[in-house]
PDB file of N, CA and C in Angstrom:
ATOM      1  N   MET A   1      27.848 -24.845 -27.619  1.00  0.00           N
ATOM      2  CA  MET A   1      26.931 -24.581 -26.545  1.00  0.00           C
ATOM      3  C   MET A   1      26.224 -23.248 -26.780  1.00  0.00           C
ATOM      4  N   ASN A   2      26.964 -22.250 -27.232  1.00  0.00           N
ATOM      5  CA  ASN A   2      26.366 -20.938 -27.476  1.00  0.00           C
ATOM      6  C   ASN A   2      25.301 -21.000 -28.559  1.00  0.00           C
ATOM      7  N   ALA A   3      25.497 -21.869 -29.549  1.00  0.00           N
ATOM      8  CA  ALA A   3      24.495 -21.982 -30.616  1.00  0.00           C
ATOM      9  C   ALA A   3      23.174 -22.507 -30.061  1.00  0.00           C
ATOM     10  N   LEU A   4      23.250 -23.452 -29.115  1.00  0.00           N
ATOM     11  CA  LEU A   4      22.026 -23.969 -28.505  1.00  0.00           C
ATOM     12  C   LEU A   4      21.310 -22.881 -27.710  1.00  0.00           C
ATOM     13  N   ILE A   5      22.064 -22.146 -26.933  1.00  0.00           N
ATOM     14  CA  ILE A   5      21.474 -21.076 -26.119  1.00  0.00           C
ATOM     15  C   ILE A   5      20.893 -19.986 -27.021  1.00  0.00           C
ATOM     16  N   ASP A   6      21.612 -19.649 -28.091  1.00  0.00           N
ATOM     17  CA  ASP A   6      21.096 -18.658 -29.040  1.00  0.00           C
ATOM     18  C   ASP A   6      19.785 -19.120 -29.671  1.00  0.00           C
ATOM     19  N   ALA A   7      19.700 -20.419 -29.984  1.00  0.00           N
ATOM     20  CA  ALA A   7      18.469 -20.964 -30.573  1.00  0.00           C
ATOM     21  C   ALA A   7      17.313 -20.870 -29.579  1.00  0.00           C
ATOM     22  N   ILE A   8      17.588 -21.123 -28.305  1.00  0.00           N
ATOM     23  CA  ILE A   8      16.544 -21.033 -27.281  1.00  0.00           C
ATOM     24  C   ILE A   8      16.104 -19.584 -27.095  1.00  0.00           C
ATOM     25  N   VAL A   9      17.063 -18.667 -27.041  1.00  0.00           N
ATOM     26  CA  VAL A   9      16.744 -17.237 -26.888  1.00  0.00           C
ATOM     27  C   VAL A   9      15.884 -16.763 -28.066  1.00  0.00           C
ATOM     28  N   ALA A  10      16.248 -17.159 -29.278  1.00  0.00           N
ATOM     29  CA  ALA A  10      15.474 -16.759 -30.459  1.00  0.00           C
ATOM     30  C   ALA A  10      14.071 -17.371 -30.426  1.00  0.00           C
ATOM     31  N   ALA A  11      13.947 -18.581 -29.881  1.00  0.00           N
ATOM     32  CA  ALA A  11      12.649 -19.265 -29.847  1.00  0.00           C
ATOM     33  C   ALA A  11      11.682 -18.622 -28.874  1.00  0.00           C
ATOM     34  N   VAL A  12      12.176 -18.058 -27.784  1.00  0.00           N
ATOM     35  CA  VAL A  12      11.275 -17.469 -26.784  1.00  0.00           C
ATOM     36  C   VAL A  12      11.078 -15.969 -26.995  1.00  0.00           C
ATOM     37  N   ALA A  13      11.709 -15.402 -28.003  1.00  0.00           N
ATOM     38  CA  ALA A  13      11.541 -13.978 -28.294  1.00  0.00           C
ATOM     39  C   ALA A  13      10.128 -13.723 -28.821  1.00  0.00           C
ATOM     40  N   ALA A  14       9.620 -12.540 -28.551  1.00  0.00           N
ATOM     41  CA  ALA A  14       8.286 -12.173 -29.036  1.00  0.00           C
ATOM     42  C   ALA A  14       8.262 -12.235 -30.560  1.00  0.00           C
ATOM     43  N   GLY A  15       7.230 -12.861 -31.107  1.00  0.00           N
ATOM     44  CA  GLY A  15       7.072 -12.945 -32.554  1.00  0.00           C
ATOM     45  C   GLY A  15       7.998 -13.944 -33.224  1.00  0.00           C
ATOM     46  N   ALA A  16       8.525 -14.907 -32.479  1.00  0.00           N
ATOM     47  CA  ALA A  16       9.425 -15.908 -33.062  1.00  0.00           C
ATOM     48  C   ALA A  16       8.672 -16.755 -34.082  1.00  0.00           C
ATOM     49  N   SER A  17       9.343 -17.073 -35.177  1.00  0.00           N
ATOM     50  CA  SER A  17       8.716 -17.891 -36.223  1.00  0.00           C
ATOM     51  C   SER A  17       8.573 -19.329 -35.739  1.00  0.00           C
ATOM     52  N   GLU A  18       7.779 -20.088 -36.474  1.00  0.00           N
ATOM     53  CA  GLU A  18       7.580 -21.504 -36.132  1.00  0.00           C
ATOM     54  C   GLU A  18       8.905 -22.270 -36.242  1.00  0.00           C
ATOM     55  N   ASP A  19       9.706 -21.932 -37.247  1.00  0.00           N
ATOM     56  CA  ASP A  19      11.008 -22.589 -37.398  1.00  0.00           C
ATOM     57  C   ASP A  19      11.929 -22.277 -36.222  1.00  0.00           C
ATOM     58  N   ALA A  20      11.926 -21.019 -35.779  1.00  0.00           N
ATOM     59  CA  ALA A  20      12.768 -20.641 -34.639  1.00  0.00           C
ATOM     60  C   ALA A  20      12.316 -21.350 -33.370  1.00  0.00           C
ATOM     61  N   ARG A  21      11.000 -21.464 -33.193  1.00  0.00           N
ATOM     62  CA  ARG A  21      10.481 -22.157 -32.006  1.00  0.00           C
ATOM     63  C   ARG A  21      10.832 -23.651 -32.050  1.00  0.00           C
ATOM     64  N   ALA A  22      10.752 -24.257 -33.237  1.00  0.00           N
ATOM     65  CA  ALA A  22      11.109 -25.671 -33.379  1.00  0.00           C
ATOM     66  C   ALA A  22      12.596 -25.877 -33.104  1.00  0.00           C
ATOM     67  N   ALA A  23      13.429 -24.958 -33.601  1.00  0.00           N
ATOM     68  CA  ALA A  23      14.871 -25.060 -33.346  1.00  0.00           C
ATOM     69  C   ALA A  23      15.166 -24.891 -31.863  1.00  0.00           C
ATOM     70  N   GLY A  24      14.448 -23.996 -31.196  1.00  0.00           N
ATOM     71  CA  GLY A  24      14.621 -23.814 -29.756  1.00  0.00           C
ATOM     72  C   GLY A  24      14.219 -25.048 -28.974  1.00  0.00           C
ATOM     73  N   ALA A  25      13.120 -25.678 -29.377  1.00  0.00           N
ATOM     74  CA  ALA A  25      12.679 -26.904 -28.703  1.00  0.00           C
ATOM     75  C   ALA A  25      13.720 -28.006 -28.882  1.00  0.00           C
ATOM     76  N   GLN A  26      14.271 -28.112 -30.080  1.00  0.00           N
ATOM     77  CA  GLN A  26      15.304 -29.136 -30.330  1.00  0.00           C
ATOM     78  C   GLN A  26      16.554 -28.843 -29.518  1.00  0.00           C
ATOM     79  N   ALA A  27      16.909 -27.579 -29.403  1.00  0.00           N
ATOM     80  CA  ALA A  27      18.076 -27.204 -28.599  1.00  0.00           C
ATOM     81  C   ALA A  27      17.847 -27.571 -27.136  1.00  0.00           C
ATOM     82  N   CYS A  28      16.627 -27.362 -26.646  1.00  0.00           N
ATOM     83  CA  CYS A  28      16.305 -27.752 -25.269  1.00  0.00           C
ATOM     84  C   CYS A  28      16.442 -29.261 -25.086  1.00  0.00           C
ATOM     85  N   ARG A  29      15.948 -30.035 -26.044  1.00  0.00           N
ATOM     86  CA  ARG A  29      16.064 -31.502 -25.959  1.00  0.00           C
ATOM     87  C   ARG A  29      17.532 -31.934 -25.952  1.00  0.00           C
ATOM     88  N   THR A  30      18.328 -31.293 -26.791  1.00  0.00           N
ATOM     89  CA  THR A  30      19.751 -31.632 -26.859  1.00  0.00           C
ATOM     90  C   THR A  30      20.447 -31.334 -25.540  1.00  0.00           C
ATOM     91  N   LEU A  31      20.171 -30.159 -24.974  1.00  0.00           N
ATOM     92  CA  LEU A  31      20.767 -29.807 -23.685  1.00  0.00           C
ATOM     93  C   LEU A  31      20.306 -30.748 -22.575  1.00  0.00           C
ATOM     94  N   LEU A  32      19.027 -31.067 -22.569  1.00  0.00           N
ATOM     95  CA  LEU A  32      18.497 -31.957 -21.536  1.00  0.00           C
ATOM     96  C   LEU A  32      19.141 -33.338 -21.612  1.00  0.00           C
ATOM     97  N   ALA A  33      19.278 -33.873 -22.809  1.00  0.00           N
ATOM     98  CA  ALA A  33      19.904 -35.192 -22.966  1.00  0.00           C
ATOM     99  C   ALA A  33      21.356 -35.159 -22.498  1.00  0.00           C
ATOM    100  N   ALA A  34      22.069 -34.084 -22.806  1.00  0.00           N
ATOM    101  CA  ALA A  34      23.470 -33.968 -22.391  1.00  0.00           C
ATOM    102  C   ALA A  34      23.581 -33.805 -20.881  1.00  0.00           C
ATOM    103  N   LEU A  35      22.659 -33.054 -20.278  1.00  0.00           N
ATOM    104  CA  LEU A  35      22.712 -32.836 -18.830  1.00  0.00           C
ATOM    105  C   LEU A  35      22.351 -34.088 -18.039  1.00  0.00           C
ATOM    106  N   GLU A  36      21.454 -34.908 -18.577  1.00  0.00           N
ATOM    107  CA  GLU A  36      21.035 -36.103 -17.870  1.00  0.00           C
ATOM    108  C   GLU A  36      22.009 -37.268 -18.034  1.00  0.00           C
ATOM    109  N   ALA A  37      22.922 -37.170 -18.981  1.00  0.00           N
ATOM    110  CA  ALA A  37      23.874 -38.254 -19.220  1.00  0.00           C
ATOM    111  C   ALA A  37      24.853 -38.355 -18.062  1.00  0.00           C
ATOM    112  N   LYS A  38      25.136 -39.588 -17.668  1.00  0.00           N
ATOM    113  CA  LYS A  38      26.133 -39.832 -16.628  1.00  0.00           C
ATOM    114  C   LYS A  38      27.435 -40.214 -17.301  1.00  0.00           C
ATOM    115  N   GLU A  39      28.535 -39.797 -16.699  1.00  0.00           N
ATOM    116  CA  GLU A  39      29.843 -40.058 -17.280  1.00  0.00           C
ATOM    117  C   GLU A  39      30.060 -41.560 -17.433  1.00  0.00           C
ATOM    118  N   GLY A  40      30.498 -41.968 -18.597  1.00  0.00           N
ATOM    119  CA  GLY A  40      30.776 -43.372 -18.871  1.00  0.00           C
ATOM    120  C   GLY A  40      29.568 -44.154 -19.331  1.00  0.00           C
ATOM    121  N   GLU A  41      28.381 -43.545 -19.334  1.00  0.00           N
ATOM    122  CA  GLU A  41      27.168 -44.224 -19.784  1.00  0.00           C
ATOM    123  C   GLU A  41      26.632 -43.514 -21.016  1.00  0.00           C
ATOM    124  N   PRO A  42      25.926 -44.263 -21.868  1.00  0.00           N
ATOM    125  CA  PRO A  42      25.377 -43.617 -23.057  1.00  0.00           C
ATOM    126  C   PRO A  42      24.284 -42.623 -22.676  1.00  0.00           C
ATOM    127  N   ILE A  43      24.043 -41.685 -23.542  1.00  0.00           N
ATOM    128  CA  ILE A  43      22.961 -40.729 -23.316  1.00  0.00           C
ATOM    129  C   ILE A  43      21.656 -41.512 -23.321  1.00  0.00           C
ATOM    130  N   ALA A  44      20.825 -41.282 -22.304  1.00  0.00           N
ATOM    131  CA  ALA A  44      19.658 -42.121 -22.029  1.00  0.00           C
ATOM    132  C   ALA A  44      18.709 -42.274 -23.208  1.00  0.00           C
ATOM    133  N   ALA A  45      18.229 -41.209 -23.752  1.00  0.00           N
ATOM    134  CA  ALA A  45      17.235 -41.296 -24.819  1.00  0.00           C
ATOM    135  C   ALA A  45      17.779 -40.658 -26.079  1.00  0.00           C
ATOM    136  N   PRO A  46      17.519 -41.281 -27.220  1.00  0.00           N
ATOM    137  CA  PRO A  46      17.939 -40.646 -28.460  1.00  0.00           C
ATOM    138  C   PRO A  46      17.255 -39.299 -28.619  1.00  0.00           C
ATOM    139  N   ILE A  47      17.940 -38.359 -29.220  1.00  0.00           N
ATOM    140  CA  ILE A  47      17.384 -37.031 -29.433  1.00  0.00           C
ATOM    141  C   ILE A  47      16.461 -37.101 -30.654  1.00  0.00           C
ATOM    142  N   PRO A  48      15.165 -36.795 -30.460  1.00  0.00           N
ATOM    143  CA  PRO A  48      14.245 -36.886 -31.601  1.00  0.00           C
ATOM    144  C   PRO A  48      14.545 -35.828 -32.649  1.00  0.00           C
ATOM    145  N   MET A  49      14.414 -36.208 -33.892  1.00  0.00           N
ATOM    146  CA  MET A  49      14.634 -35.281 -35.001  1.00  0.00           C
ATOM    147  C   MET A  49      13.301 -35.026 -35.689  1.00  0.00           C
ATOM    148  N   PRO A  50      13.031 -33.800 -36.074  1.00  0.00           N
ATOM    149  CA  PRO A  50      11.823 -33.544 -36.858  1.00  0.00           C
ATOM    150  C   PRO A  50      11.926 -34.240 -38.213  1.00  0.00           C
ATOM    151  N   ALA A  51      10.783 -34.461 -38.842  1.00  0.00           N
ATOM    152  CA  ALA A  51      10.764 -35.166 -40.128  1.00  0.00           C
ATOM    153  C   ALA A  51      11.633 -34.455 -41.163  1.00  0.00           C
ATOM    154  N   THR A  52      11.527 -33.150 -41.258  1.00  0.00           N
ATOM    155  CA  THR A  52      12.358 -32.382 -42.178  1.00  0.00           C
ATOM    156  C   THR A  52      12.999 -31.236 -41.396  1.00  0.00           C
ATOM    157  N   PRO A  53      14.228 -31.442 -40.924  1.00  0.00           N
ATOM    158  CA  PRO A  53      14.862 -30.397 -40.116  1.00  0.00           C
ATOM    159  C   PRO A  53      15.180 -29.160 -40.952  1.00  0.00           C
ATOM    160  N   SER A  54      14.983 -28.027 -40.336  1.00  0.00           N
ATOM    161  CA  SER A  54      15.312 -26.766 -41.000  1.00  0.00           C
ATOM    162  C   SER A  54      16.805 -26.494 -40.817  1.00  0.00           C
ATOM    163  N   PRO A  55      17.375 -25.567 -41.574  1.00  0.00           N
ATOM    164  CA  PRO A  55      18.787 -25.223 -41.375  1.00  0.00           C
ATOM    165  C   PRO A  55      19.077 -24.768 -39.950  1.00  0.00           C
ATOM    166  N   ALA A  56      18.119 -24.097 -39.308  1.00  0.00           N
ATOM    167  CA  ALA A  56      18.319 -23.672 -37.924  1.00  0.00           C
ATOM    168  C   ALA A  56      18.389 -24.876 -36.987  1.00  0.00           C
ATOM    169  N   ASP A  57      17.560 -25.916 -37.269  1.00  0.00           N
ATOM    170  CA  ASP A  57      17.605 -27.136 -36.467  1.00  0.00           C
ATOM    171  C   ASP A  57      18.969 -27.805 -36.582  1.00  0.00           C
ATOM    172  N   VAL A  58      19.433 -27.924 -37.812  1.00  0.00           N
ATOM    173  CA  VAL A  58      20.723 -28.575 -38.044  1.00  0.00           C
ATOM    174  C   VAL A  58      21.845 -27.794 -37.367  1.00  0.00           C
ATOM    175  N   ALA A  59      21.806 -26.484 -37.475  1.00  0.00           N
ATOM    176  CA  ALA A  59      22.841 -25.653 -36.842  1.00  0.00           C
ATOM    177  C   ALA A  59      22.806 -25.807 -35.324  1.00  0.00           C
ATOM    178  N   ALA A  60      21.614 -25.877 -34.735  1.00  0.00           N
ATOM    179  CA  ALA A  60      21.494 -26.033 -33.284  1.00  0.00           C
ATOM    180  C   ALA A  60      22.020 -27.392 -32.840  1.00  0.00           C
ATOM    181  N   ILE A  61      21.711 -28.427 -33.584  1.00  0.00           N
ATOM    182  CA  ILE A  61      22.167 -29.777 -33.214  1.00  0.00           C
ATOM    183  C   ILE A  61      23.675 -29.886 -33.348  1.00  0.00           C
ATOM    184  N   VAL A  62      24.206 -29.423 -34.460  1.00  0.00           N
ATOM    185  CA  VAL A  62      25.659 -29.485 -34.670  1.00  0.00           C
ATOM    186  C   VAL A  62      26.379 -28.654 -33.614  1.00  0.00           C
ATOM    187  N   GLY A  63      25.825 -27.493 -33.300  1.00  0.00           N
ATOM    188  CA  GLY A  63      26.430 -26.654 -32.267  1.00  0.00           C
ATOM    189  C   GLY A  63      26.479 -27.367 -30.924  1.00  0.00           C
ATOM    190  N   GLY A  64      25.446 -28.123 -30.608  1.00  0.00           N
ATOM    191  CA  GLY A  64      25.424 -28.870 -29.352  1.00  0.00           C
ATOM    192  C   GLY A  64      26.363 -30.059 -29.378  1.00  0.00           C
ATOM    193  N   LEU A  65      26.457 -30.721 -30.512  1.00  0.00           N
ATOM    194  CA  LEU A  65      27.318 -31.901 -30.608  1.00  0.00           C
ATOM    195  C   LEU A  65      28.792 -31.540 -30.575  1.00  0.00           C
ATOM    196  N   LYS A  66      29.146 -30.325 -31.038  1.00  0.00           N
ATOM    197  CA  LYS A  66      30.556 -29.918 -31.036  1.00  0.00           C
ATOM    198  C   LYS A  66      31.136 -29.868 -29.625  1.00  0.00           C
ATOM    199  N   THR A  67      30.290 -29.592 -28.651  1.00  0.00           N
ATOM    200  CA  THR A  67      30.791 -29.414 -27.289  1.00  0.00           C
ATOM    201  C   THR A  67      30.772 -30.706 -26.474  1.00  0.00           C
ATOM    202  N   LEU A  68      30.166 -31.768 -27.001  1.00  0.00           N
ATOM    203  CA  LEU A  68      30.130 -33.026 -26.263  1.00  0.00           C
ATOM    204  C   LEU A  68      31.483 -33.721 -26.307  1.00  0.00           C
ATOM    205  N   PRO A  69      31.865 -34.383 -25.211  1.00  0.00           N
ATOM    206  CA  PRO A  69      33.085 -35.189 -25.253  1.00  0.00           C
ATOM    207  C   PRO A  69      32.920 -36.329 -26.263  1.00  0.00           C
ATOM    208  N   VAL A  70      34.017 -36.769 -26.838  1.00  0.00           N
ATOM    209  CA  VAL A  70      33.983 -37.802 -27.870  1.00  0.00           C
ATOM    210  C   VAL A  70      33.294 -39.063 -27.362  1.00  0.00           C
ATOM    211  N   GLU A  71      33.535 -39.439 -26.104  1.00  0.00           N
ATOM    212  CA  GLU A  71      32.937 -40.645 -25.546  1.00  0.00           C
ATOM    213  C   GLU A  71      31.414 -40.544 -25.548  1.00  0.00           C
ATOM    214  N   GLN A  72      30.877 -39.389 -25.150  1.00  0.00           N
ATOM    215  CA  GLN A  72      29.429 -39.216 -25.148  1.00  0.00           C
ATOM    216  C   GLN A  72      28.867 -39.175 -26.561  1.00  0.00           C
ATOM    217  N   LEU A  73      29.608 -38.599 -27.480  1.00  0.00           N
ATOM    218  CA  LEU A  73      29.166 -38.561 -28.861  1.00  0.00           C
ATOM    219  C   LEU A  73      29.090 -39.972 -29.441  1.00  0.00           C
ATOM    220  N   LEU A  74      30.096 -40.799 -29.149  1.00  0.00           N
ATOM    221  CA  LEU A  74      30.064 -42.186 -29.613  1.00  0.00           C
ATOM    222  C   LEU A  74      28.937 -42.956 -28.940  1.00  0.00           C
ATOM    223  N   ASP A  75      28.704 -42.725 -27.649  1.00  0.00           N
ATOM    224  CA  ASP A  75      27.604 -43.382 -26.945  1.00  0.00           C
ATOM    225  C   ASP A  75      26.265 -43.006 -27.574  1.00  0.00           C
ATOM    226  N   LEU A  76      26.113 -41.742 -27.954  1.00  0.00           N
ATOM    227  CA  LEU A  76      24.889 -41.289 -28.605  1.00  0.00           C
ATOM    228  C   LEU A  76      24.712 -41.996 -29.947  1.00  0.00           C
ATOM    229  N   ALA A  77      25.775 -42.093 -30.724  1.00  0.00           N
ATOM    230  CA  ALA A  77      25.701 -42.764 -32.025  1.00  0.00           C
ATOM    231  C   ALA A  77      25.337 -44.235 -31.852  1.00  0.00           C
ATOM    232  N   ILE A  78      25.939 -44.892 -30.874  1.00  0.00           N
ATOM    233  CA  ILE A  78      25.647 -46.305 -30.625  1.00  0.00           C
ATOM    234  C   ILE A  78      24.193 -46.482 -30.197  1.00  0.00           C
ATOM    235  N   ALA A  79      23.707 -45.607 -29.320  1.00  0.00           N
ATOM    236  CA  ALA A  79      22.316 -45.690 -28.871  1.00  0.00           C
ATOM    237  C   ALA A  79      21.355 -45.510 -30.039  1.00  0.00           C
ATOM    238  N   ARG A  80      21.667 -44.565 -30.935  1.00  0.00           N
ATOM    239  CA  ARG A  80      20.794 -44.347 -32.101  1.00  0.00           C
ATOM    240  C   ARG A  80      20.805 -45.561 -33.037  1.00  0.00           C
ATOM    241  N   LEU A  81      21.982 -46.156 -33.231  1.00  0.00           N
ATOM    242  CA  LEU A  81      22.066 -47.338 -34.095  1.00  0.00           C
ATOM    243  C   LEU A  81      21.330 -48.523 -33.479  1.00  0.00           C
ATOM    244  N   LYS A  82      21.466 -48.720 -32.173  1.00  0.00           N
ATOM    245  CA  LYS A  82      20.759 -49.814 -31.504  1.00  0.00           C
ATOM    246  C   LYS A  82      19.252 -49.609 -31.578  1.00  0.00           C
ATOM    247  N   ALA A  83      18.806 -48.356 -31.461  1.00  0.00           N
ATOM    248  CA  ALA A  83      17.374 -48.067 -31.532  1.00  0.00           C
ATOM    249  C   ALA A  83      16.815 -48.363 -32.923  1.00  0.00           C
ATOM    250  N   ALA A  84      17.651 -48.312 -33.945  1.00  0.00           N
ATOM    251  CA  ALA A  84      17.199 -48.561 -35.316  1.00  0.00           C
ATOM    252  C   ALA A  84      17.093 -50.051 -35.639  1.00  0.00           C
ATOM    253  N   LEU A  85      17.630 -50.908 -34.769  1.00  0.00           N
ATOM    254  CA  LEU A  85      17.568 -52.346 -35.014  1.00  0.00           C
ATOM    255  C   LEU A  85      16.143 -52.865 -34.819  1.00  0.00           C
ATOM    256  N   PRO A  86      15.787 -53.938 -35.532  1.00  0.00           N
ATOM    257  CA  PRO A  86      14.457 -54.531 -35.327  1.00  0.00           C
ATOM    258  C   PRO A  86      14.301 -55.027 -33.884  1.00  0.00           C
ATOM    259  N   THR A  87      13.071 -55.037 -33.399  1.00  0.00           N
ATOM    260  CA  THR A  87      12.782 -55.485 -32.043  1.00  0.00           C
ATOM    261  C   THR A  87      13.229 -56.926 -31.861  1.00  0.00           C
ATOM    262  N   GLY A  88      13.862 -57.189 -30.739  1.00  0.00           N
ATOM    263  CA  GLY A  88      14.310 -58.547 -30.421  1.00  0.00           C
ATOM    264  C   GLY A  88      15.714 -58.864 -30.910  1.00  0.00           C
ATOM    265  N   THR A  89      16.332 -57.971 -31.623  1.00  0.00           N
ATOM    266  CA  THR A  89      17.693 -58.195 -32.108  1.00  0.00           C
ATOM    267  C   THR A  89      18.663 -58.019 -30.950  1.00  0.00           C
ATOM    268  N   THR A  90      19.559 -58.986 -30.792  1.00  0.00           N
ATOM    269  CA  THR A  90      20.567 -58.879 -29.736  1.00  0.00           C
ATOM    270  C   THR A  90      21.894 -58.486 -30.366  1.00  0.00           C
ATOM    271  N   VAL A  91      22.660 -57.729 -29.618  1.00  0.00           N
ATOM    272  CA  VAL A  91      23.950 -57.246 -30.100  1.00  0.00           C
ATOM    273  C   VAL A  91      25.028 -57.823 -29.194  1.00  0.00           C
ATOM    274  N   GLU A  92      25.972 -58.521 -29.783  1.00  0.00           N
ATOM    275  CA  GLU A  92      27.079 -59.079 -29.017  1.00  0.00           C
ATOM    276  C   GLU A  92      28.056 -57.971 -28.649  1.00  0.00           C
ATOM    277  N   PRO A  93      28.627 -58.037 -27.447  1.00  0.00           N
ATOM    278  CA  PRO A  93      29.627 -57.024 -27.091  1.00  0.00           C
ATOM    279  C   PRO A  93      30.837 -57.115 -28.018  1.00  0.00           C
ATOM    280  N   VAL A  94      31.425 -55.994 -28.284  1.00  0.00           N
ATOM    281  CA  VAL A  94      32.584 -55.939 -29.169  1.00  0.00           C
ATOM    282  C   VAL A  94      33.838 -56.162 -28.339  1.00  0.00           C
ATOM    283  N   ARG A  95      34.700 -57.051 -28.806  1.00  0.00           N
ATOM    284  CA  ARG A  95      35.960 -57.260 -28.089  1.00  0.00           C
ATOM    285  C   ARG A  95      36.888 -56.093 -28.392  1.00  0.00           C
ATOM    286  N   SER A  96      37.845 -55.901 -27.538  1.00  0.00           N
ATOM    287  CA  SER A  96      38.732 -54.753 -27.725  1.00  0.00           C
ATOM    288  C   SER A  96      39.520 -54.900 -29.028  1.00  0.00           C
ATOM    289  N   LEU A  97      39.825 -53.792 -29.596  1.00  0.00           N
ATOM    290  CA  LEU A  97      40.537 -53.746 -30.862  1.00  0.00           C
ATOM    291  C   LEU A  97      41.968 -53.319 -30.600  1.00  0.00           C
ATOM    292  N   THR A  98      42.904 -54.090 -31.118  1.00  0.00           N
ATOM    293  CA  THR A  98      44.311 -53.751 -30.973  1.00  0.00           C
ATOM    294  C   THR A  98      44.880 -53.454 -32.358  1.00  0.00           C
ATOM    295  N   VAL A  99      45.455 -52.291 -32.491  1.00  0.00           N
ATOM    296  CA  VAL A  99      46.039 -51.891 -33.770  1.00  0.00           C
ATOM    297  C   VAL A  99      47.546 -51.821 -33.599  1.00  0.00           C
ATOM    298  N   PRO A 100      48.285 -52.699 -34.297  1.00  0.00           N
ATOM    299  CA  PRO A 100      49.741 -52.644 -34.167  1.00  0.00           C
ATOM    300  C   PRO A 100      50.304 -51.401 -34.854  1.00  0.00           C
ATOM    301  N   LEU A 101      51.245 -50.776 -34.217  1.00  0.00           N
ATOM    302  CA  LEU A 101      51.896 -49.603 -34.787  1.00  0.00           C
ATOM    303  C   LEU A 101      53.203 -50.025 -35.439  1.00  0.00           C
ATOM    304  N   ILE A 102      53.422 -49.564 -36.639  1.00  0.00           N
ATOM    305  CA  ILE A 102      54.628 -49.905 -37.389  1.00  0.00           C
ATOM    306  C   ILE A 102      55.537 -48.687 -37.382  1.00  0.00           C
ATOM    307  N   PRO A 103      56.736 -48.828 -36.839  1.00  0.00           N
ATOM    308  CA  PRO A 103      57.633 -47.663 -36.818  1.00  0.00           C
ATOM    309  C   PRO A 103      58.180 -47.388 -38.223  1.00  0.00           C
ATOM    310  N   PHE A 104      58.204 -46.144 -38.572  1.00  0.00           N
ATOM    311  CA  PHE A 104      58.769 -45.733 -39.847  1.00  0.00           C
ATOM    312  C   PHE A 104      60.153 -45.149 -39.580  1.00  0.00           C
ATOM    313  N   PRO A 105      61.125 -45.477 -40.440  1.00  0.00           N
ATOM    314  CA  PRO A 105      62.456 -44.908 -40.242  1.00  0.00           C
ATOM    315  C   PRO A 105      62.445 -43.405 -40.515  1.00  0.00           C
ATOM    316  N   ARG A 106      63.231 -42.711 -39.769  1.00  0.00           N
ATOM    317  CA  ARG A 106      63.359 -41.267 -39.978  1.00  0.00           C
ATOM    318  C   ARG A 106      64.274 -41.024 -41.167  1.00  0.00           C
ATOM    319  N   PRO A 107      64.151 -39.883 -41.802  1.00  0.00           N
ATOM    320  CA  PRO A 107      65.043 -39.593 -42.931  1.00  0.00           C
ATOM    321  C   PRO A 107      66.506 -39.681 -42.496  1.00  0.00           C
ATOM    322  N   GLY A 108      67.297 -40.375 -43.262  1.00  0.00           N
ATOM    323  CA  GLY A 108      68.705 -40.510 -42.972  1.00  0.00           C
ATOM    324  C   GLY A 108      69.043 -41.738 -42.150  1.00  0.00           C
ATOM    325  N   GLN A 109      68.000 -42.441 -41.601  1.00  0.00           N
ATOM    326  CA  GLN A 109      68.247 -43.666 -40.828  1.00  0.00           C
ATOM    327  C   GLN A 109      68.205 -44.860 -41.757  1.00  0.00           C
ATOM    328  N   ARG A 110      68.998 -45.864 -41.403  1.00  0.00           N
ATOM    329  CA  ARG A 110      68.938 -47.123 -42.142  1.00  0.00           C
ATOM    330  C   ARG A 110      67.868 -47.994 -41.547  1.00  0.00           C
ATOM    331  N   ARG A 111      67.378 -48.874 -42.357  1.00  0.00           N
ATOM    332  CA  ARG A 111      66.331 -49.781 -41.887  1.00  0.00           C
ATOM    333  C   ARG A 111      66.898 -50.936 -41.169  1.00  0.00           C
TER     334      ARG A 111
END
């Protein structure tokens, strides 16, 4: 979160470079998308990426993603993947996944 705020502060500083201003704008978009998201629902709009992100852009995005809950991060990834599908493509809901756990014997125990 601090990286996003730092990017915004650097972007609005007097004499900020074009890269700093672009990173600040991206940080604002990231914060806005996170603030508008409702718990349990995917983030509404995919976060737009510039054609060639600068290192400051990447740092701002990663800094913002580190603070998101895992559920929202997965929702964001799913929304981005769905947006990349051709128009008219339908996606079937995924059934729940059950992973059986196999107990391992502790050292010194017989099987």
